[in-house]
Amino acid sequence: MILEVYADVVCPWCYVGERRLEEALSLRPGLEVERRWRPFQLQPGMPEGGMPWDVYARRKFGGELNARGSFARLTEVGRSEGIRFDFNRVASAPNTVDAHRLILHAEGAGRGTQWKLVDALFGAYFSDGRNLNDHGELAAVAADVGLDPDEVRSHLAGDGGKAEVRASQEEAYGRGIQGVPFYVFDGVRTVSGAQPVEAFLRALDGARVGQEG
């Protein structure tokens, strides 16, 4: 089964959705699922170097105080999923092209490395407040999941993956996807948003029945 995951690493609900999907997959151990990361930038017009969090918060939320207030519920939801959201440590609003390029680069590393990296990038941003625009920070996160940091820096210094990130965004728009997380099961069944585990199980089971039929 092919499972396409449209998400962004600075999307808190994508982090929640990732954890719930992981739980659903663990409850279907006999099901062969190939997950594919599909880049989707929540802020495709973000300046290349990102911007300070307080500047971004004023533009998007009408002020940092409003932003922090809107994240209070997320902190509680995250705790129930084993996620430590620490929005007080978030200092930047990055352009996530390079983070997406890094995730695509990790696809061939094997042993689930790509999805370990996805989880590590979520944690680096939302728990540790690391700057995902910084190639050194990205390389350090990649090293934590077994990737060669020098190879990562070399990859990010070039243009590899940029076209793929743009193409994924356009493909998402073509499918009518305007927000993430968004999940496509075998090209037919979809789940929109960080739904409960049961919703993912229904989609997995429905897609499996479709395969068998």
N, C-alpha and C. Protein backbone atom coordinates (compact mmCIF):
# COMPACT_ATOMS: atom_id res chain seq x y z
N MET A 1 0.84 -1.19 0.00
CA MET A 1 0.00 0.00 0.00
C MET A 1 0.88 1.24 0.00
N ILE A 2 0.56 2.20 -0.84
CA ILE A 2 1.28 3.47 -0.88
C ILE A 2 0.51 4.49 -0.05
N LEU A 3 1.19 5.09 0.90
CA LEU A 3 0.59 6.12 1.74
C LEU A 3 1.38 7.41 1.56
N GLU A 4 0.75 8.40 0.95
CA GLU A 4 1.38 9.68 0.71
C GLU A 4 1.02 10.64 1.86
N VAL A 5 2.04 11.23 2.43
CA VAL A 5 1.86 12.12 3.57
C VAL A 5 2.27 13.54 3.17
N TYR A 6 1.28 14.40 3.01
CA TYR A 6 1.54 15.82 2.74
C TYR A 6 1.63 16.53 4.09
N ALA A 7 2.77 17.16 4.35
CA ALA A 7 2.97 17.76 5.66
C ALA A 7 4.11 18.78 5.60
N ASP A 8 4.24 19.55 6.67
CA ASP A 8 5.34 20.50 6.82
C ASP A 8 5.89 20.36 8.24
N VAL A 9 7.20 20.51 8.39
CA VAL A 9 7.82 20.27 9.69
C VAL A 9 7.62 21.41 10.67
N VAL A 10 7.02 22.52 10.25
CA VAL A 10 6.68 23.59 11.19
C VAL A 10 5.17 23.63 11.43
N CYS A 11 4.49 22.55 11.10
CA CYS A 11 3.05 22.42 11.32
C CYS A 11 2.82 21.57 12.55
N PRO A 12 2.35 22.15 13.66
CA PRO A 12 2.19 21.36 14.89
C PRO A 12 1.18 20.23 14.74
N TRP A 13 0.11 20.45 13.99
CA TRP A 13 -0.87 19.38 13.82
C TRP A 13 -0.31 18.25 12.96
N CYS A 14 0.66 18.56 12.09
CA CYS A 14 1.33 17.50 11.34
C CYS A 14 2.14 16.60 12.29
N TYR A 15 2.72 17.20 13.31
CA TYR A 15 3.47 16.44 14.32
C TYR A 15 2.52 15.51 15.07
N VAL A 16 1.38 16.04 15.48
CA VAL A 16 0.38 15.23 16.17
C VAL A 16 -0.10 14.11 15.24
N GLY A 17 -0.39 14.46 14.00
CA GLY A 17 -0.86 13.47 13.04
C GLY A 17 0.16 12.37 12.81
N GLU A 18 1.44 12.74 12.78
CA GLU A 18 2.50 11.74 12.59
C GLU A 18 2.48 10.72 13.71
N ARG A 19 2.34 11.18 14.93
CA ARG A 19 2.33 10.26 16.07
C ARG A 19 1.10 9.34 16.03
N ARG A 20 -0.04 9.89 15.66
CA ARG A 20 -1.25 9.08 15.60
C ARG A 20 -1.17 8.07 14.46
N LEU A 21 -0.61 8.47 13.34
CA LEU A 21 -0.43 7.53 12.24
C LEU A 21 0.52 6.42 12.64
N GLU A 22 1.60 6.75 13.32
CA GLU A 22 2.54 5.73 13.78
C GLU A 22 1.84 4.71 14.66
N GLU A 23 0.97 5.18 15.54
CA GLU A 23 0.25 4.25 16.41
C GLU A 23 -0.67 3.35 15.59
N ALA A 24 -1.36 3.94 14.62
CA ALA A 24 -2.25 3.14 13.78
C ALA A 24 -1.46 2.07 13.02
N LEU A 25 -0.32 2.43 12.49
CA LEU A 25 0.50 1.46 11.75
C LEU A 25 0.99 0.35 12.67
N SER A 26 1.30 0.70 13.91
CA SER A 26 1.76 -0.32 14.85
C SER A 26 0.65 -1.32 15.19
N LEU A 27 -0.60 -0.90 15.02
CA LEU A 27 -1.73 -1.78 15.28
C LEU A 27 -2.10 -2.64 14.07
N ARG A 28 -1.42 -2.43 12.97
CA ARG A 28 -1.62 -3.25 11.76
C ARG A 28 -0.26 -3.77 11.29
N PRO A 29 0.41 -4.58 12.13
CA PRO A 29 1.78 -5.01 11.81
C PRO A 29 1.89 -5.87 10.56
N GLY A 30 0.82 -6.53 10.15
CA GLY A 30 0.88 -7.37 8.97
C GLY A 30 0.65 -6.64 7.67
N LEU A 31 0.37 -5.37 7.75
CA LEU A 31 0.05 -4.58 6.56
C LEU A 31 1.32 -3.92 6.02
N GLU A 32 1.63 -4.16 4.76
CA GLU A 32 2.81 -3.57 4.15
C GLU A 32 2.46 -2.18 3.62
N VAL A 33 3.04 -1.18 4.23
CA VAL A 33 2.75 0.21 3.87
C VAL A 33 4.04 0.92 3.51
N GLU A 34 4.07 1.51 2.34
CA GLU A 34 5.20 2.35 1.93
C GLU A 34 4.78 3.80 2.07
N ARG A 35 5.34 4.45 3.09
CA ARG A 35 5.03 5.87 3.30
C ARG A 35 5.92 6.75 2.44
N ARG A 36 5.32 7.74 1.83
CA ARG A 36 6.07 8.67 1.00
C ARG A 36 5.83 10.10 1.48
N TRP A 37 6.92 10.78 1.80
CA TRP A 37 6.82 12.18 2.25
C TRP A 37 6.55 13.07 1.04
N ARG A 38 5.52 13.89 1.15
CA ARG A 38 5.17 14.83 0.10
C ARG A 38 5.29 16.25 0.66
N PRO A 39 6.32 16.99 0.27
CA PRO A 39 6.52 18.34 0.80
C PRO A 39 5.33 19.26 0.54
N PHE A 40 4.97 20.00 1.57
CA PHE A 40 3.94 21.03 1.46
C PHE A 40 4.33 22.14 2.40
N GLN A 41 4.58 23.32 1.86
CA GLN A 41 4.96 24.46 2.70
C GLN A 41 3.73 25.24 3.12
N LEU A 42 3.56 25.37 4.42
CA LEU A 42 2.46 26.19 4.92
C LEU A 42 2.63 27.65 4.51
N GLN A 43 3.89 28.08 4.43
CA GLN A 43 4.18 29.47 4.06
C GLN A 43 5.15 29.47 2.87
N PRO A 44 4.65 29.14 1.66
CA PRO A 44 5.56 29.07 0.51
C PRO A 44 6.18 30.41 0.15
N GLY A 45 5.59 31.50 0.60
CA GLY A 45 6.15 32.82 0.31
C GLY A 45 7.10 33.33 1.38
N MET A 46 7.44 32.48 2.34
CA MET A 46 8.38 32.89 3.40
C MET A 46 9.72 33.27 2.79
N PRO A 47 10.34 34.38 3.24
CA PRO A 47 11.68 34.73 2.73
C PRO A 47 12.64 33.56 2.87
N GLU A 48 13.61 33.49 2.00
CA GLU A 48 14.53 32.36 1.95
C GLU A 48 15.18 32.08 3.29
N GLY A 49 15.52 33.11 4.02
CA GLY A 49 16.17 32.92 5.32
C GLY A 49 15.21 32.88 6.49
N GLY A 50 13.90 32.83 6.20
CA GLY A 50 12.91 32.85 7.27
C GLY A 50 12.80 34.23 7.89
N MET A 51 12.20 34.28 9.07
CA MET A 51 12.09 35.55 9.79
C MET A 51 12.00 35.28 11.28
N PRO A 52 12.33 36.27 12.11
CA PRO A 52 12.20 36.09 13.56
C PRO A 52 10.76 35.76 13.93
N TRP A 53 10.60 34.95 14.97
CA TRP A 53 9.26 34.51 15.36
C TRP A 53 8.35 35.67 15.71
N ASP A 54 8.87 36.69 16.42
CA ASP A 54 8.00 37.78 16.84
C ASP A 54 7.46 38.55 15.63
N VAL A 55 8.27 38.69 14.58
CA VAL A 55 7.81 39.37 13.36
C VAL A 55 6.72 38.55 12.69
N TYR A 56 6.97 37.26 12.58
CA TYR A 56 5.98 36.36 11.96
C TYR A 56 4.69 36.34 12.77
N ALA A 57 4.81 36.27 14.08
CA ALA A 57 3.63 36.19 14.94
C ALA A 57 2.76 37.44 14.81
N ARG A 58 3.40 38.60 14.70
CA ARG A 58 2.62 39.84 14.53
C ARG A 58 1.82 39.80 13.23
N ARG A 59 2.44 39.28 12.18
CA ARG A 59 1.77 39.24 10.88
C ARG A 59 0.65 38.21 10.84
N LYS A 60 0.90 37.03 11.39
CA LYS A 60 -0.06 35.94 11.24
C LYS A 60 -1.13 35.93 12.33
N PHE A 61 -0.72 36.23 13.57
CA PHE A 61 -1.63 36.09 14.70
C PHE A 61 -2.05 37.42 15.33
N GLY A 62 -1.48 38.52 14.85
CA GLY A 62 -1.79 39.80 15.45
C GLY A 62 -1.01 40.05 16.73
N GLY A 63 0.08 39.32 16.90
CA GLY A 63 0.90 39.51 18.09
C GLY A 63 1.34 38.18 18.67
N GLU A 64 2.50 38.19 19.32
CA GLU A 64 3.04 36.96 19.88
C GLU A 64 2.16 36.42 21.00
N LEU A 65 1.55 37.31 21.77
CA LEU A 65 0.69 36.85 22.87
C LEU A 65 -0.49 36.05 22.33
N ASN A 66 -1.08 36.52 21.25
CA ASN A 66 -2.19 35.78 20.64
C ASN A 66 -1.72 34.42 20.13
N ALA A 67 -0.52 34.40 19.56
CA ALA A 67 0.02 33.15 19.04
C ALA A 67 0.20 32.15 20.16
N ARG A 68 0.80 32.57 21.26
CA ARG A 68 1.04 31.65 22.37
C ARG A 68 -0.30 31.14 22.93
N GLY A 69 -1.28 32.02 22.98
CA GLY A 69 -2.58 31.60 23.48
C GLY A 69 -3.21 30.53 22.62
N SER A 70 -3.04 30.69 21.30
CA SER A 70 -3.64 29.71 20.39
C SER A 70 -2.95 28.36 20.49
N PHE A 71 -1.73 28.32 21.03
CA PHE A 71 -1.00 27.06 21.14
C PHE A 71 -1.21 26.35 22.47
N ALA A 72 -1.98 26.95 23.38
CA ALA A 72 -2.17 26.33 24.69
C ALA A 72 -2.84 24.97 24.57
N ARG A 73 -3.88 24.88 23.74
CA ARG A 73 -4.57 23.59 23.55
C ARG A 73 -3.65 22.57 22.89
N LEU A 74 -2.86 23.04 21.95
CA LEU A 74 -1.94 22.13 21.27
C LEU A 74 -0.96 21.50 22.25
N THR A 75 -0.52 22.28 23.22
CA THR A 75 0.41 21.75 24.21
C THR A 75 -0.22 20.59 24.97
N GLU A 76 -1.49 20.73 25.32
CA GLU A 76 -2.20 19.66 26.03
C GLU A 76 -2.40 18.44 25.13
N VAL A 77 -2.80 18.69 23.89
CA VAL A 77 -2.98 17.58 22.94
C VAL A 77 -1.66 16.85 22.73
N GLY A 78 -0.59 17.61 22.56
CA GLY A 78 0.71 17.00 22.35
C GLY A 78 1.14 16.13 23.51
N ARG A 79 0.87 16.58 24.72
CA ARG A 79 1.26 15.81 25.89
C ARG A 79 0.62 14.43 25.87
N SER A 80 -0.63 14.36 25.43
CA SER A 80 -1.34 13.07 25.38
C SER A 80 -0.76 12.15 24.31
N GLU A 81 -0.01 12.73 23.35
CA GLU A 81 0.59 11.92 22.28
C GLU A 81 2.08 11.70 22.52
N GLY A 82 2.59 12.10 23.68
CA GLY A 82 4.01 11.96 23.97
C GLY A 82 4.87 13.01 23.32
N ILE A 83 4.26 14.13 22.95
CA ILE A 83 4.98 15.24 22.31
C ILE A 83 5.18 16.37 23.32
N ARG A 84 6.40 16.86 23.40
CA ARG A 84 6.68 18.00 24.29
C ARG A 84 6.75 19.27 23.45
N PHE A 85 5.62 19.93 23.31
CA PHE A 85 5.61 21.23 22.65
C PHE A 85 6.14 22.27 23.63
N ASP A 86 7.11 23.05 23.20
CA ASP A 86 7.64 24.14 24.02
C ASP A 86 7.72 25.39 23.14
N PHE A 87 6.56 26.02 22.95
CA PHE A 87 6.50 27.15 22.04
C PHE A 87 7.29 28.35 22.53
N ASN A 88 7.61 28.39 23.80
CA ASN A 88 8.42 29.50 24.32
C ASN A 88 9.85 29.46 23.77
N ARG A 89 10.26 28.31 23.27
CA ARG A 89 11.62 28.18 22.74
C ARG A 89 11.68 28.44 21.23
N VAL A 90 10.53 28.50 20.59
CA VAL A 90 10.51 28.75 19.15
C VAL A 90 10.90 30.21 18.89
N ALA A 91 12.00 30.40 18.18
CA ALA A 91 12.51 31.76 17.98
C ALA A 91 12.48 32.19 16.53
N SER A 92 12.20 31.25 15.62
CA SER A 92 12.25 31.60 14.21
C SER A 92 11.09 30.96 13.46
N ALA A 93 10.74 31.59 12.36
CA ALA A 93 9.76 31.03 11.42
C ALA A 93 10.54 30.76 10.14
N PRO A 94 10.97 29.51 9.91
CA PRO A 94 11.86 29.25 8.79
C PRO A 94 11.13 29.07 7.47
N ASN A 95 11.88 29.24 6.41
CA ASN A 95 11.46 28.75 5.11
C ASN A 95 11.85 27.27 5.10
N THR A 96 10.89 26.39 4.88
CA THR A 96 11.15 24.96 5.09
C THR A 96 11.60 24.21 3.84
N VAL A 97 11.97 24.92 2.77
CA VAL A 97 12.43 24.22 1.57
C VAL A 97 13.60 23.30 1.89
N ASP A 98 14.59 23.78 2.65
CA ASP A 98 15.77 22.96 2.92
C ASP A 98 15.43 21.77 3.81
N ALA A 99 14.55 21.94 4.77
CA ALA A 99 14.14 20.81 5.60
C ALA A 99 13.46 19.75 4.74
N HIS A 100 12.61 20.17 3.81
CA HIS A 100 11.97 19.22 2.90
C HIS A 100 13.00 18.54 2.01
N ARG A 101 13.95 19.31 1.52
CA ARG A 101 15.01 18.73 0.68
C ARG A 101 15.79 17.68 1.44
N LEU A 102 16.05 17.94 2.70
CA LEU A 102 16.78 16.99 3.53
C LEU A 102 15.98 15.70 3.72
N ILE A 103 14.69 15.83 3.95
CA ILE A 103 13.85 14.64 4.13
C ILE A 103 13.83 13.80 2.86
N LEU A 104 13.70 14.45 1.71
CA LEU A 104 13.72 13.71 0.44
C LEU A 104 15.07 13.05 0.23
N HIS A 105 16.14 13.73 0.60
CA HIS A 105 17.49 13.20 0.48
C HIS A 105 17.66 11.92 1.31
N ALA A 106 16.97 11.85 2.44
CA ALA A 106 17.10 10.70 3.34
C ALA A 106 16.29 9.49 2.90
N GLU A 107 15.53 9.64 1.83
CA GLU A 107 14.62 8.57 1.43
C GLU A 107 15.34 7.25 1.16
N GLY A 108 16.52 7.33 0.58
CA GLY A 108 17.23 6.10 0.24
C GLY A 108 18.13 5.55 1.32
N ALA A 109 18.08 6.13 2.51
CA ALA A 109 19.00 5.71 3.57
C ALA A 109 18.63 4.37 4.20
N GLY A 110 17.38 3.95 4.04
CA GLY A 110 16.96 2.65 4.55
C GLY A 110 16.70 2.64 6.04
N ARG A 111 16.19 1.51 6.52
CA ARG A 111 15.94 1.25 7.94
C ARG A 111 15.03 2.31 8.58
N GLY A 112 14.12 2.86 7.78
CA GLY A 112 13.20 3.84 8.34
C GLY A 112 13.82 5.16 8.68
N THR A 113 15.03 5.41 8.16
CA THR A 113 15.76 6.64 8.51
C THR A 113 14.97 7.89 8.16
N GLN A 114 14.30 7.89 7.02
CA GLN A 114 13.58 9.09 6.60
C GLN A 114 12.54 9.49 7.63
N TRP A 115 11.80 8.53 8.15
CA TRP A 115 10.73 8.87 9.09
C TRP A 115 11.26 9.14 10.49
N LYS A 116 12.43 8.57 10.81
CA LYS A 116 13.10 8.97 12.05
C LYS A 116 13.54 10.43 11.94
N LEU A 117 13.99 10.80 10.76
CA LEU A 117 14.41 12.18 10.53
C LEU A 117 13.22 13.13 10.63
N VAL A 118 12.10 12.75 10.03
CA VAL A 118 10.90 13.59 10.13
C VAL A 118 10.56 13.86 11.59
N ASP A 119 10.53 12.80 12.40
CA ASP A 119 10.21 12.96 13.82
C ASP A 119 11.25 13.83 14.52
N ALA A 120 12.52 13.63 14.16
CA ALA A 120 13.59 14.41 14.79
C ALA A 120 13.49 15.89 14.43
N LEU A 121 13.11 16.20 13.20
CA LEU A 121 12.96 17.59 12.80
C LEU A 121 11.78 18.25 13.51
N PHE A 122 10.68 17.53 13.63
CA PHE A 122 9.55 18.05 14.41
C PHE A 122 10.01 18.39 15.83
N GLY A 123 10.69 17.45 16.46
CA GLY A 123 11.15 17.66 17.84
C GLY A 123 12.16 18.79 17.95
N ALA A 124 13.06 18.87 16.96
CA ALA A 124 14.07 19.92 16.98
C ALA A 124 13.42 21.30 16.97
N TYR A 125 12.36 21.43 16.20
CA TYR A 125 11.70 22.74 16.08
C TYR A 125 10.77 23.02 17.26
N PHE A 126 9.86 22.09 17.52
CA PHE A 126 8.80 22.37 18.49
C PHE A 126 9.20 22.13 19.94
N SER A 127 10.19 21.28 20.19
CA SER A 127 10.61 21.02 21.57
C SER A 127 11.87 21.79 21.94
N ASP A 128 12.79 21.91 20.96
CA ASP A 128 14.08 22.51 21.26
C ASP A 128 14.27 23.90 20.67
N GLY A 129 13.35 24.34 19.82
CA GLY A 129 13.44 25.68 19.25
C GLY A 129 14.61 25.90 18.32
N ARG A 130 15.07 24.84 17.64
CA ARG A 130 16.22 24.98 16.75
C ARG A 130 15.82 25.64 15.43
N ASN A 131 16.78 26.30 14.83
CA ASN A 131 16.54 27.06 13.61
C ASN A 131 16.67 26.14 12.40
N LEU A 132 15.56 25.79 11.79
CA LEU A 132 15.58 24.86 10.66
C LEU A 132 15.98 25.54 9.35
N ASN A 133 16.34 26.81 9.40
CA ASN A 133 16.93 27.47 8.24
C ASN A 133 18.45 27.32 8.23
N ASP A 134 19.01 26.90 9.34
CA ASP A 134 20.45 26.81 9.49
C ASP A 134 20.93 25.43 9.03
N HIS A 135 21.81 25.41 8.03
CA HIS A 135 22.28 24.13 7.50
C HIS A 135 23.06 23.33 8.54
N GLY A 136 23.76 24.02 9.41
CA GLY A 136 24.47 23.32 10.48
C GLY A 136 23.51 22.61 11.42
N GLU A 137 22.42 23.28 11.76
CA GLU A 137 21.41 22.67 12.63
C GLU A 137 20.76 21.47 11.93
N LEU A 138 20.43 21.63 10.65
CA LEU A 138 19.83 20.53 9.90
C LEU A 138 20.78 19.34 9.83
N ALA A 139 22.05 19.60 9.61
CA ALA A 139 23.04 18.52 9.54
C ALA A 139 23.18 17.82 10.88
N ALA A 140 23.10 18.58 11.96
CA ALA A 140 23.21 17.99 13.30
C ALA A 140 22.02 17.09 13.59
N VAL A 141 20.82 17.52 13.22
CA VAL A 141 19.63 16.69 13.41
C VAL A 141 19.75 15.43 12.57
N ALA A 142 20.21 15.58 11.34
CA ALA A 142 20.38 14.42 10.46
C ALA A 142 21.39 13.44 11.03
N ALA A 143 22.48 13.95 11.61
CA ALA A 143 23.50 13.09 12.20
C ALA A 143 22.92 12.26 13.34
N ASP A 144 21.98 12.83 14.06
CA ASP A 144 21.36 12.12 15.20
C ASP A 144 20.60 10.88 14.76
N VAL A 145 20.19 10.82 13.49
CA VAL A 145 19.46 9.64 13.00
C VAL A 145 20.33 8.80 12.08
N GLY A 146 21.64 9.08 12.06
CA GLY A 146 22.57 8.22 11.35
C GLY A 146 23.03 8.69 9.98
N LEU A 147 22.64 9.88 9.56
CA LEU A 147 23.09 10.40 8.27
C LEU A 147 24.44 11.10 8.42
N ASP A 148 25.21 11.14 7.34
CA ASP A 148 26.51 11.78 7.33
C ASP A 148 26.32 13.30 7.29
N PRO A 149 26.72 14.02 8.32
CA PRO A 149 26.47 15.47 8.35
C PRO A 149 27.19 16.22 7.24
N ASP A 150 28.40 15.76 6.85
CA ASP A 150 29.12 16.44 5.78
C ASP A 150 28.40 16.26 4.45
N GLU A 151 27.88 15.07 4.24
CA GLU A 151 27.11 14.81 3.01
C GLU A 151 25.84 15.66 2.99
N VAL A 152 25.22 15.82 4.15
CA VAL A 152 24.01 16.64 4.24
C VAL A 152 24.33 18.09 3.90
N ARG A 153 25.41 18.61 4.47
CA ARG A 153 25.79 20.01 4.18
C ARG A 153 26.06 20.20 2.69
N SER A 154 26.75 19.23 2.09
CA SER A 154 27.04 19.32 0.67
C SER A 154 25.76 19.32 -0.16
N HIS A 155 24.82 18.46 0.22
CA HIS A 155 23.54 18.40 -0.49
C HIS A 155 22.78 19.72 -0.37
N LEU A 156 22.73 20.26 0.83
CA LEU A 156 21.96 21.48 1.05
C LEU A 156 22.62 22.69 0.40
N ALA A 157 23.93 22.63 0.18
CA ALA A 157 24.63 23.74 -0.46
C ALA A 157 24.28 23.85 -1.94
N GLY A 158 23.79 22.76 -2.53
CA GLY A 158 23.40 22.78 -3.93
C GLY A 158 21.91 23.00 -4.09
N ASP A 159 21.41 22.62 -5.26
CA ASP A 159 19.99 22.83 -5.57
C ASP A 159 19.18 21.54 -5.59
N GLY A 160 19.83 20.43 -5.24
CA GLY A 160 19.15 19.15 -5.29
C GLY A 160 17.89 19.11 -4.45
N GLY A 161 16.80 18.71 -5.06
CA GLY A 161 15.53 18.58 -4.33
C GLY A 161 14.63 19.78 -4.41
N LYS A 162 15.14 20.93 -4.83
CA LYS A 162 14.30 22.13 -4.87
C LYS A 162 13.14 21.97 -5.86
N ALA A 163 13.44 21.41 -7.02
CA ALA A 163 12.39 21.22 -8.02
C ALA A 163 11.33 20.24 -7.52
N GLU A 164 11.77 19.21 -6.79
CA GLU A 164 10.84 18.22 -6.26
C GLU A 164 9.92 18.83 -5.21
N VAL A 165 10.46 19.73 -4.40
CA VAL A 165 9.63 20.40 -3.39
C VAL A 165 8.57 21.26 -4.07
N ARG A 166 8.97 22.01 -5.07
CA ARG A 166 8.00 22.84 -5.80
C ARG A 166 6.94 21.98 -6.48
N ALA A 167 7.39 20.87 -7.08
CA ALA A 167 6.45 19.99 -7.79
C ALA A 167 5.44 19.37 -6.85
N SER A 168 5.88 19.01 -5.65
CA SER A 168 4.98 18.42 -4.67
C SER A 168 3.91 19.42 -4.24
N GLN A 169 4.32 20.67 -4.07
CA GLN A 169 3.37 21.72 -3.68
C GLN A 169 2.32 21.90 -4.78
N GLU A 170 2.77 21.94 -6.01
CA GLU A 170 1.84 22.11 -7.13
C GLU A 170 0.92 20.90 -7.27
N GLU A 171 1.47 19.72 -7.06
CA GLU A 171 0.66 18.51 -7.12
C GLU A 171 -0.42 18.54 -6.05
N ALA A 172 -0.05 19.00 -4.87
CA ALA A 172 -1.04 19.10 -3.78
C ALA A 172 -2.17 20.05 -4.17
N TYR A 173 -1.82 21.21 -4.69
CA TYR A 173 -2.85 22.15 -5.12
C TYR A 173 -3.73 21.53 -6.20
N GLY A 174 -3.11 20.76 -7.09
CA GLY A 174 -3.88 20.11 -8.14
C GLY A 174 -4.87 19.10 -7.61
N ARG A 175 -4.55 18.53 -6.45
CA ARG A 175 -5.44 17.57 -5.81
C ARG A 175 -6.48 18.27 -4.91
N GLY A 176 -6.41 19.58 -4.86
CA GLY A 176 -7.34 20.33 -4.03
C GLY A 176 -6.92 20.44 -2.58
N ILE A 177 -5.67 20.11 -2.29
CA ILE A 177 -5.16 20.18 -0.92
C ILE A 177 -4.73 21.60 -0.62
N GLN A 178 -5.34 22.20 0.38
CA GLN A 178 -5.03 23.58 0.77
C GLN A 178 -4.39 23.66 2.14
N GLY A 179 -4.44 22.59 2.89
CA GLY A 179 -3.86 22.58 4.23
C GLY A 179 -3.36 21.20 4.58
N VAL A 180 -2.50 21.13 5.57
CA VAL A 180 -1.92 19.86 6.00
C VAL A 180 -2.04 19.72 7.52
N PRO A 181 -1.95 18.45 8.00
CA PRO A 181 -1.58 17.24 7.29
C PRO A 181 -2.71 16.70 6.41
N PHE A 182 -2.29 15.99 5.38
CA PHE A 182 -3.25 15.36 4.47
C PHE A 182 -2.64 14.04 4.02
N TYR A 183 -3.43 12.99 4.07
CA TYR A 183 -2.94 11.64 3.81
C TYR A 183 -3.74 11.00 2.68
N VAL A 184 -3.02 10.38 1.75
CA VAL A 184 -3.67 9.72 0.61
C VAL A 184 -3.27 8.25 0.64
N PHE A 185 -4.28 7.37 0.77
CA PHE A 185 -4.06 5.93 0.88
C PHE A 185 -4.33 5.28 -0.47
N ASP A 186 -3.27 4.77 -1.08
CA ASP A 186 -3.37 4.10 -2.38
C ASP A 186 -4.07 4.94 -3.43
N GLY A 187 -3.96 6.25 -3.31
CA GLY A 187 -4.48 7.13 -4.33
C GLY A 187 -5.97 7.35 -4.33
N VAL A 188 -6.69 6.69 -3.38
CA VAL A 188 -8.16 6.79 -3.41
C VAL A 188 -8.77 7.27 -2.10
N ARG A 189 -8.31 6.74 -0.99
CA ARG A 189 -8.87 7.12 0.31
C ARG A 189 -8.01 8.22 0.92
N THR A 190 -8.65 9.18 1.56
CA THR A 190 -7.91 10.29 2.13
C THR A 190 -8.32 10.52 3.58
N VAL A 191 -7.39 11.08 4.33
CA VAL A 191 -7.65 11.57 5.69
C VAL A 191 -7.08 12.97 5.75
N SER A 192 -7.90 13.92 6.17
CA SER A 192 -7.48 15.32 6.28
C SER A 192 -7.38 15.71 7.74
N GLY A 193 -6.24 16.24 8.13
CA GLY A 193 -6.06 16.69 9.50
C GLY A 193 -5.51 15.60 10.41
N ALA A 194 -5.18 16.02 11.64
CA ALA A 194 -4.62 15.09 12.63
C ALA A 194 -5.77 14.35 13.30
N GLN A 195 -6.35 13.42 12.57
CA GLN A 195 -7.52 12.70 13.05
C GLN A 195 -7.14 11.69 14.13
N PRO A 196 -8.12 11.21 14.90
CA PRO A 196 -7.83 10.17 15.89
C PRO A 196 -7.29 8.91 15.23
N VAL A 197 -6.64 8.09 16.02
CA VAL A 197 -6.05 6.84 15.52
C VAL A 197 -7.09 6.01 14.78
N GLU A 198 -8.32 6.00 15.30
CA GLU A 198 -9.37 5.19 14.69
C GLU A 198 -9.64 5.57 13.23
N ALA A 199 -9.50 6.86 12.91
CA ALA A 199 -9.72 7.30 11.53
C ALA A 199 -8.63 6.75 10.61
N PHE A 200 -7.41 6.72 11.10
CA PHE A 200 -6.33 6.13 10.30
C PHE A 200 -6.53 4.63 10.13
N LEU A 201 -7.00 3.97 11.17
CA LEU A 201 -7.25 2.53 11.06
C LEU A 201 -8.33 2.25 10.03
N ARG A 202 -9.38 3.06 10.02
CA ARG A 202 -10.45 2.85 9.03
C ARG A 202 -9.91 3.04 7.62
N ALA A 203 -9.06 4.05 7.44
CA ALA A 203 -8.51 4.30 6.11
C ALA A 203 -7.59 3.17 5.68
N LEU A 204 -6.76 2.69 6.60
CA LEU A 204 -5.86 1.56 6.29
C LEU A 204 -6.66 0.31 5.94
N ASP A 205 -7.67 0.02 6.74
CA ASP A 205 -8.48 -1.17 6.50
C ASP A 205 -9.27 -1.05 5.21
N GLY A 206 -9.79 0.14 4.94
CA GLY A 206 -10.55 0.35 3.71
C GLY A 206 -9.66 0.22 2.47
N ALA A 207 -8.46 0.76 2.56
CA ALA A 207 -7.54 0.64 1.43
C ALA A 207 -7.12 -0.80 1.21
N ARG A 208 -6.96 -1.55 2.29
CA ARG A 208 -6.59 -2.97 2.16
C ARG A 208 -7.72 -3.76 1.51
N VAL A 209 -8.96 -3.48 1.91
CA VAL A 209 -10.10 -4.15 1.30
C VAL A 209 -10.17 -3.83 -0.19
N GLY A 210 -9.85 -2.57 -0.52
CA GLY A 210 -9.86 -2.18 -1.93
C GLY A 210 -8.83 -2.93 -2.73
N GLN A 211 -7.67 -3.20 -2.11
CA GLN A 211 -6.62 -3.96 -2.78
C GLN A 211 -7.09 -5.40 -3.03
N GLU A 212 -7.71 -5.97 -2.01
CA GLU A 212 -8.15 -7.36 -2.10
C GLU A 212 -9.31 -7.53 -3.07
N GLY A 213 -10.14 -6.45 -3.20
CA GLY A 213 -11.28 -6.53 -4.10
C GLY A 213 -10.87 -6.41 -5.55
